[in-house]
């Protein structure tokens, strides 16, 4: 995921998302690549979780890490 300062200066504050799948590419007309679709759904859920409750994501990320 990319967020560029230039976009916000030009009036567009939307991140740019590009997906590259090198592992198991299925290229055929009318064929759904379920592995790619599953990965995309996981990415959407991750971003949605971060947007909807960023504090919870930070807590989960650092759970188990002790400060000394």
Protein backbone atom coordinates (compact mmCIF):
# COMPACT_ATOMS: atom_id res chain seq x y z
CA UNK A 1 0.00 0.00 0.00
CA UNK A 2 1.39 3.39 -0.95
CA UNK A 3 0.46 6.81 0.37
CA UNK A 4 2.24 9.67 -1.28
CA UNK A 5 2.50 13.23 -0.05
CA UNK A 6 2.24 14.43 -3.64
CA UNK A 7 -1.32 13.09 -3.90
CA UNK A 8 -2.47 15.00 -0.85
CA UNK A 9 -0.94 18.20 -2.17
CA UNK A 10 -2.80 17.74 -5.46
CA UNK A 11 -6.13 17.30 -3.63
CA UNK A 12 -6.27 13.50 -3.68
CA UNK A 13 -5.68 11.88 -0.30
CA UNK A 14 -6.42 8.29 -1.29
CA UNK A 15 -3.78 5.59 -0.89
CA UNK A 16 -2.84 3.58 -3.94
CA UNK A 17 -3.05 -0.19 -3.56
CA UNK A 18 -1.33 -2.52 -6.01
CA UNK A 19 -1.40 -6.28 -5.73
CA UNK A 20 1.22 -8.60 -7.19
CA UNK A 21 0.72 -12.36 -7.08
CA UNK A 22 3.80 -14.28 -8.20
CA UNK A 23 2.96 -17.64 -6.62
CA UNK A 24 0.12 -19.43 -8.37
CA UNK A 25 -1.15 -17.40 -11.28
CA UNK A 26 -4.14 -18.84 -13.11
CA UNK A 27 -4.70 -17.03 -16.37
CA UNK A 28 -7.68 -18.19 -18.38
CA UNK A 29 -10.87 -16.53 -19.48
CA UNK A 30 -13.71 -17.23 -17.08
CA UNK A 31 -11.46 -18.91 -14.47
CA UNK A 32 -11.39 -17.49 -10.93
CA UNK A 33 -8.07 -17.67 -9.09
CA UNK A 34 -9.39 -18.60 -5.63
CA UNK A 35 -5.95 -18.31 -4.00
CA UNK A 36 -5.63 -14.71 -5.17
CA UNK A 37 -9.22 -13.98 -4.17
CA UNK A 38 -8.63 -15.41 -0.68
CA UNK A 39 -5.51 -13.29 -0.23
CA UNK A 40 -7.33 -10.19 -1.41
CA UNK A 41 -10.18 -10.83 1.05
CA UNK A 42 -7.63 -11.20 3.86
CA UNK A 43 -6.00 -7.90 2.89
CA UNK A 44 -9.38 -6.15 2.82
CA UNK A 45 -10.22 -7.51 6.29
CA UNK A 46 -6.83 -6.43 7.67
CA UNK A 47 -7.16 -2.88 6.36
CA UNK A 48 -10.78 -2.71 7.53
CA UNK A 49 -9.78 -3.83 11.04
CA UNK A 50 -7.06 -1.18 11.18
CA UNK A 51 -9.39 1.58 9.98
CA UNK A 52 -12.27 0.61 12.27
CA UNK A 53 -10.28 0.11 15.48
CA UNK A 54 -6.65 1.19 15.17
CA UNK A 55 -6.07 1.03 18.94
CA UNK A 56 -6.99 -2.66 19.03
CA UNK A 57 -4.57 -3.45 16.19
CA UNK A 58 -1.73 -1.79 18.08
CA UNK A 59 -2.61 -3.68 21.28
CA UNK A 60 -2.67 -7.02 19.43
CA UNK A 61 0.58 -6.22 17.61
CA UNK A 62 2.45 -5.59 20.85
CA UNK A 63 0.71 -8.23 22.97
CA UNK A 64 3.35 -10.36 24.65
CA UNK A 65 6.14 -7.81 24.23
CA UNK A 66 7.40 -6.65 27.61
CA UNK A 67 9.05 -3.33 28.18
CA UNK A 68 12.13 -3.57 30.40
